[in-house]
């Protein structure tokens, strides 16, 4: 359970971010940042990074 805890936290942050009203361009940048964080976390979890 400890290994997937960061992914659960990132999912909760992404869900909260989804409900915050903001400009479309800013929201796209936020989604890109969340996606990059998810990919980095996945690569670290897999032992590649």
PDB file of N, CA and C in Angstrom:
ATOM      1  N   UNK A   1       0.830  -1.199   0.000  1.00  0.00           N
ATOM      2  CA  UNK A   1       0.000   0.000   0.000  1.00  0.00           C
ATOM      3  C   UNK A   1       0.872   1.260   0.000  1.00  0.00           C
ATOM      4  N   UNK A   2       2.032   1.188   0.633  1.00  0.00           N
ATOM      5  CA  UNK A   2       2.902   2.346   0.708  1.00  0.00           C
ATOM      6  C   UNK A   2       3.452   2.761  -0.641  1.00  0.00           C
ATOM      7  N   UNK A   3       3.585   1.808  -1.556  1.00  0.00           N
ATOM      8  CA  UNK A   3       4.148   2.121  -2.869  1.00  0.00           C
ATOM      9  C   UNK A   3       3.176   2.891  -3.756  1.00  0.00           C
ATOM     10  N   UNK A   4       1.887   2.665  -3.562  1.00  0.00           N
ATOM     11  CA  UNK A   4       0.921   3.360  -4.413  1.00  0.00           C
ATOM     12  C   UNK A   4       0.346   4.609  -3.755  1.00  0.00           C
ATOM     13  N   UNK A   5       0.746   4.899  -2.522  1.00  0.00           N
ATOM     14  CA  UNK A   5       0.243   6.085  -1.820  1.00  0.00           C
ATOM     15  C   UNK A   5       0.534   7.381  -2.581  1.00  0.00           C
ATOM     16  N   UNK A   6       1.755   7.571  -3.146  1.00  0.00           N
ATOM     17  CA  UNK A   6       1.978   8.818  -3.906  1.00  0.00           C
ATOM     18  C   UNK A   6       1.060   8.948  -5.118  1.00  0.00           C
ATOM     19  N   UNK A   7       0.725   7.839  -5.750  1.00  0.00           N
ATOM     20  CA  UNK A   7      -0.187   7.885  -6.897  1.00  0.00           C
ATOM     21  C   UNK A   7      -1.599   8.290  -6.452  1.00  0.00           C
ATOM     22  N   UNK A   8      -2.009   7.796  -5.300  1.00  0.00           N
ATOM     23  CA  UNK A   8      -3.328   8.158  -4.773  1.00  0.00           C
ATOM     24  C   UNK A   8      -3.362   9.645  -4.418  1.00  0.00           C
ATOM     25  N   UNK A   9      -2.290  10.136  -3.826  1.00  0.00           N
ATOM     26  CA  UNK A   9      -2.213  11.566  -3.489  1.00  0.00           C
ATOM     27  C   UNK A   9      -2.252  12.404  -4.761  1.00  0.00           C
ATOM     28  N   UNK A  10      -1.513  11.987  -5.785  1.00  0.00           N
ATOM     29  CA  UNK A  10      -1.518  12.724  -7.055  1.00  0.00           C
ATOM     30  C   UNK A  10      -2.903  12.695  -7.697  1.00  0.00           C
ATOM     31  N   UNK A  11      -3.602  11.590  -7.591  1.00  0.00           N
ATOM     32  CA  UNK A  11      -4.963  11.503  -8.120  1.00  0.00           C
ATOM     33  C   UNK A  11      -5.892  12.462  -7.393  1.00  0.00           C
ATOM     34  N   UNK A  12      -5.780  12.536  -6.083  1.00  0.00           N
ATOM     35  CA  UNK A  12      -6.619  13.456  -5.312  1.00  0.00           C
ATOM     36  C   UNK A  12      -6.304  14.903  -5.673  1.00  0.00           C
ATOM     37  N   UNK A  13      -5.017  15.220  -5.828  1.00  0.00           N
ATOM     38  CA  UNK A  13      -4.625  16.577  -6.228  1.00  0.00           C
ATOM     39  C   UNK A  13      -5.187  16.903  -7.608  1.00  0.00           C
ATOM     40  N   UNK A  14      -5.124  15.955  -8.533  1.00  0.00           N
ATOM     41  CA  UNK A  14      -5.656  16.183  -9.874  1.00  0.00           C
ATOM     42  C   UNK A  14      -7.169  16.389  -9.848  1.00  0.00           C
ATOM     43  N   UNK A  15      -7.870  15.637  -9.021  1.00  0.00           N
ATOM     44  CA  UNK A  15      -9.324  15.809  -8.921  1.00  0.00           C
ATOM     45  C   UNK A  15      -9.686  17.167  -8.341  1.00  0.00           C
ATOM     46  N   UNK A  16      -8.963  17.595  -7.317  1.00  0.00           N
ATOM     47  CA  UNK A  16      -9.211  18.920  -6.740  1.00  0.00           C
ATOM     48  C   UNK A  16      -8.889  20.005  -7.753  1.00  0.00           C
ATOM     49  N   UNK A  17      -7.771  19.830  -8.474  1.00  0.00           N
ATOM     50  CA  UNK A  17      -7.367  20.799  -9.500  1.00  0.00           C
ATOM     51  C   UNK A  17      -8.439  20.907 -10.584  1.00  0.00           C
ATOM     52  N   UNK A  18      -9.097  19.800 -10.881  1.00  0.00           N
ATOM     53  CA  UNK A  18     -10.127  19.783 -11.916  1.00  0.00           C
ATOM     54  C   UNK A  18     -11.310  20.689 -11.556  1.00  0.00           C
ATOM     55  N   UNK A  19     -11.615  20.803 -10.266  1.00  0.00           N
ATOM     56  CA  UNK A  19     -12.782  21.575  -9.852  1.00  0.00           C
ATOM     57  C   UNK A  19     -12.495  23.039  -9.568  1.00  0.00           C
ATOM     58  N   UNK A  20     -11.224  23.449  -9.639  1.00  0.00           N
ATOM     59  CA  UNK A  20     -10.889  24.847  -9.414  1.00  0.00           C
ATOM     60  C   UNK A  20     -11.154  25.627 -10.704  1.00  0.00           C
ATOM     61  N   UNK A  21     -11.989  26.657 -10.634  1.00  0.00           N
ATOM     62  CA  UNK A  21     -12.256  27.440 -11.852  1.00  0.00           C
ATOM     63  C   UNK A  21     -11.064  28.327 -12.205  1.00  0.00           C
ATOM     64  N   UNK A  22     -10.591  28.185 -13.444  1.00  0.00           N
ATOM     65  CA  UNK A  22      -9.478  29.013 -13.919  1.00  0.00           C
ATOM     66  C   UNK A  22      -9.492  29.054 -15.437  1.00  0.00           C
ATOM     67  N   UNK A  23      -8.615  29.868 -15.989  1.00  0.00           N
ATOM     68  CA  UNK A  23      -8.502  30.043 -17.433  1.00  0.00           C
ATOM     69  C   UNK A  23      -8.128  28.719 -18.100  1.00  0.00           C
ATOM     70  N   UNK A  24      -8.595  28.503 -19.316  1.00  0.00           N
ATOM     71  CA  UNK A  24      -8.356  27.256 -20.025  1.00  0.00           C
ATOM     72  C   UNK A  24      -6.887  26.961 -20.268  1.00  0.00           C
ATOM     73  N   UNK A  25      -6.118  27.984 -20.627  1.00  0.00           N
ATOM     74  CA  UNK A  25      -4.686  27.783 -20.895  1.00  0.00           C
ATOM     75  C   UNK A  25      -3.943  27.392 -19.618  1.00  0.00           C
ATOM     76  N   UNK A  26      -4.282  28.040 -18.516  1.00  0.00           N
ATOM     77  CA  UNK A  26      -3.659  27.730 -17.238  1.00  0.00           C
ATOM     78  C   UNK A  26      -4.010  26.311 -16.788  1.00  0.00           C
ATOM     79  N   UNK A  27      -5.231  25.910 -17.048  1.00  0.00           N
ATOM     80  CA  UNK A  27      -5.665  24.558 -16.691  1.00  0.00           C
ATOM     81  C   UNK A  27      -4.915  23.522 -17.534  1.00  0.00           C
ATOM     82  N   UNK A  28      -4.689  23.811 -18.807  1.00  0.00           N
ATOM     83  CA  UNK A  28      -3.923  22.891 -19.662  1.00  0.00           C
ATOM     84  C   UNK A  28      -2.498  22.725 -19.156  1.00  0.00           C
ATOM     85  N   UNK A  29      -1.887  23.823 -18.760  1.00  0.00           N
ATOM     86  CA  UNK A  29      -0.526  23.758 -18.223  1.00  0.00           C
ATOM     87  C   UNK A  29      -0.511  22.931 -16.938  1.00  0.00           C
ATOM     88  N   UNK A  30      -1.509  23.118 -16.111  1.00  0.00           N
ATOM     89  CA  UNK A  30      -1.608  22.336 -14.871  1.00  0.00           C
ATOM     90  C   UNK A  30      -1.748  20.851 -15.145  1.00  0.00           C
ATOM     91  N   UNK A  31      -2.555  20.492 -16.127  1.00  0.00           N
ATOM     92  CA  UNK A  31      -2.709  19.082 -16.483  1.00  0.00           C
ATOM     93  C   UNK A  31      -1.408  18.495 -17.033  1.00  0.00           C
ATOM     94  N   UNK A  32      -0.658  19.291 -17.789  1.00  0.00           N
ATOM     95  CA  UNK A  32       0.631  18.822 -18.307  1.00  0.00           C
ATOM     96  C   UNK A  32       1.595  18.566 -17.151  1.00  0.00           C
ATOM     97  N   UNK A  33       1.628  19.472 -16.180  1.00  0.00           N
ATOM     98  CA  UNK A  33       2.508  19.297 -15.021  1.00  0.00           C
ATOM     99  C   UNK A  33       2.112  18.056 -14.229  1.00  0.00           C
ATOM    100  N   UNK A  34       0.828  17.853 -14.009  1.00  0.00           N
ATOM    101  CA  UNK A  34       0.360  16.667 -13.289  1.00  0.00           C
ATOM    102  C   UNK A  34       0.711  15.405 -14.070  1.00  0.00           C
ATOM    103  N   UNK A  35       0.578  15.443 -15.381  1.00  0.00           N
ATOM    104  CA  UNK A  35       0.927  14.288 -16.203  1.00  0.00           C
ATOM    105  C   UNK A  35       2.406  13.961 -16.153  1.00  0.00           C
ATOM    106  N   UNK A  36       3.252  14.990 -16.203  1.00  0.00           N
ATOM    107  CA  UNK A  36       4.699  14.769 -16.124  1.00  0.00           C
ATOM    108  C   UNK A  36       5.064  14.186 -14.763  1.00  0.00           C
ATOM    109  N   UNK A  37       4.462  14.709 -13.700  1.00  0.00           N
ATOM    110  CA  UNK A  37       4.711  14.150 -12.372  1.00  0.00           C
ATOM    111  C   UNK A  37       4.299  12.685 -12.295  1.00  0.00           C
ATOM    112  N   UNK A  38       3.170  12.351 -12.890  1.00  0.00           N
ATOM    113  CA  UNK A  38       2.711  10.964 -12.875  1.00  0.00           C
ATOM    114  C   UNK A  38       3.677  10.057 -13.638  1.00  0.00           C
ATOM    115  N   UNK A  39       4.180  10.516 -14.770  1.00  0.00           N
ATOM    116  CA  UNK A  39       5.124   9.707 -15.551  1.00  0.00           C
ATOM    117  C   UNK A  39       6.431   9.515 -14.789  1.00  0.00           C
ATOM    118  N   UNK A  40       6.938  10.584 -14.171  1.00  0.00           N
ATOM    119  CA  UNK A  40       8.176  10.471 -13.392  1.00  0.00           C
ATOM    120  C   UNK A  40       7.990   9.514 -12.223  1.00  0.00           C
ATOM    121  N   UNK A  41       6.865   9.620 -11.530  1.00  0.00           N
ATOM    122  CA  UNK A  41       6.598   8.715 -10.410  1.00  0.00           C
ATOM    123  C   UNK A  41       6.495   7.274 -10.886  1.00  0.00           C
ATOM    124  N   UNK A  42       5.868   7.057 -12.027  1.00  0.00           N
ATOM    125  CA  UNK A  42       5.739   5.704 -12.561  1.00  0.00           C
ATOM    126  C   UNK A  42       7.099   5.138 -12.950  1.00  0.00           C
ATOM    127  N   UNK A  43       7.949   5.949 -13.562  1.00  0.00           N
ATOM    128  CA  UNK A  43       9.283   5.489 -13.930  1.00  0.00           C
ATOM    129  C   UNK A  43      10.134   5.188 -12.692  1.00  0.00           C
ATOM    130  N   UNK A  44      10.001   6.000 -11.656  1.00  0.00           N
ATOM    131  CA  UNK A  44      10.730   5.716 -10.412  1.00  0.00           C
ATOM    132  C   UNK A  44      10.201   4.444  -9.761  1.00  0.00           C
ATOM    133  N   UNK A  45       8.907   4.254  -9.795  1.00  0.00           N
ATOM    134  CA  UNK A  45       8.304   3.055  -9.212  1.00  0.00           C
ATOM    135  C   UNK A  45       8.767   1.807  -9.955  1.00  0.00           C
ATOM    136  N   UNK A  46       8.929   1.909 -11.276  1.00  0.00           N
ATOM    137  CA  UNK A  46       9.373   0.782 -12.077  1.00  0.00           C
ATOM    138  C   UNK A  46      10.876   0.569 -11.983  1.00  0.00           C
ATOM    139  N   UNK A  47      11.594   1.526 -11.399  1.00  0.00           N
ATOM    140  CA  UNK A  47      13.030   1.384 -11.243  1.00  0.00           C
ATOM    141  C   UNK A  47      13.824   1.835 -12.449  1.00  0.00           C
ATOM    142  N   UNK A  48      13.183   2.478 -13.392  1.00  0.00           N
ATOM    143  CA  UNK A  48      13.855   2.939 -14.609  1.00  0.00           C
ATOM    144  C   UNK A  48      14.609   4.233 -14.332  1.00  0.00           C
ATOM    145  N   UNK A  49      14.054   5.083 -13.490  1.00  0.00           N
ATOM    146  CA  UNK A  49      14.691   6.361 -13.169  1.00  0.00           C
ATOM    147  C   UNK A  49      15.357   6.292 -11.816  1.00  0.00           C
TER     148      UNK A  49
END
